[in-house]
Amino acid sequence: MRKTFCFGGSRLARRMSERAPMVDGCVFCDIARRAPTSSTALLYSVPYRCPHDDKVVAFRDINPSAFRHYLVIPIDHIPTVNSLHKTKDDHQLVSHMVKVGKDLLNQDAPNSEEHRFGFHQPPFNSVDHLHLHCLALPFMPSWRQVKYSPLGPLGGFIEAEKLLERIKPEAEVYS
């Protein structure tokens, strides 16, 4: 089956724009479920480093932009940051993704002077499956930092902490 990066208005792209346990044709879903067609080595997965984690996996970016560049993805198919809501579950998921990314970079790049964590927002995301970029700087080559910068009202890259603020559940009001 042809892998798609989910651009355009095809029926497959529409199906991939919805939340689901797994989506056929999504390259990241194949990685998360360890499909036979995927040769991606996982850095964090059940049972490798996390015997009780059934929420996320992590792996190296195939086109790294920094000294270390990892991706942390949810196992379930969540298309983009726009699919996240102000719910406890979504907030906990993104918080967990950040923790996994920080742990990996602290282990693999402890001497890096700066780490950056964030997500590309549509239309600047390359794969319609939520993925956290975990970068141990410096950028390599240095011009790649442009890809990981916010673009104001155009969106671009959103740092993980800003996304967590945006999806933080509102406190319940009791009467």
Foldseek 3Di string as FASTA:
>chain_A
DAADQLDDDDPLSVVLQDWFLARPRAPVLCVLVVPVVDPFDWPDDDPPPPVPDQFWIKGFDPDAFFPGKMKIFTNTFHFELVSAALDPVSLVSLVVSVVVLVVVCCVVPVPQPDWFKWFFGPPLDRHRGYIIIIHRDDTVVNVCVVQQDADPPVGRIDTSVVSSVVNHHDDDDDD
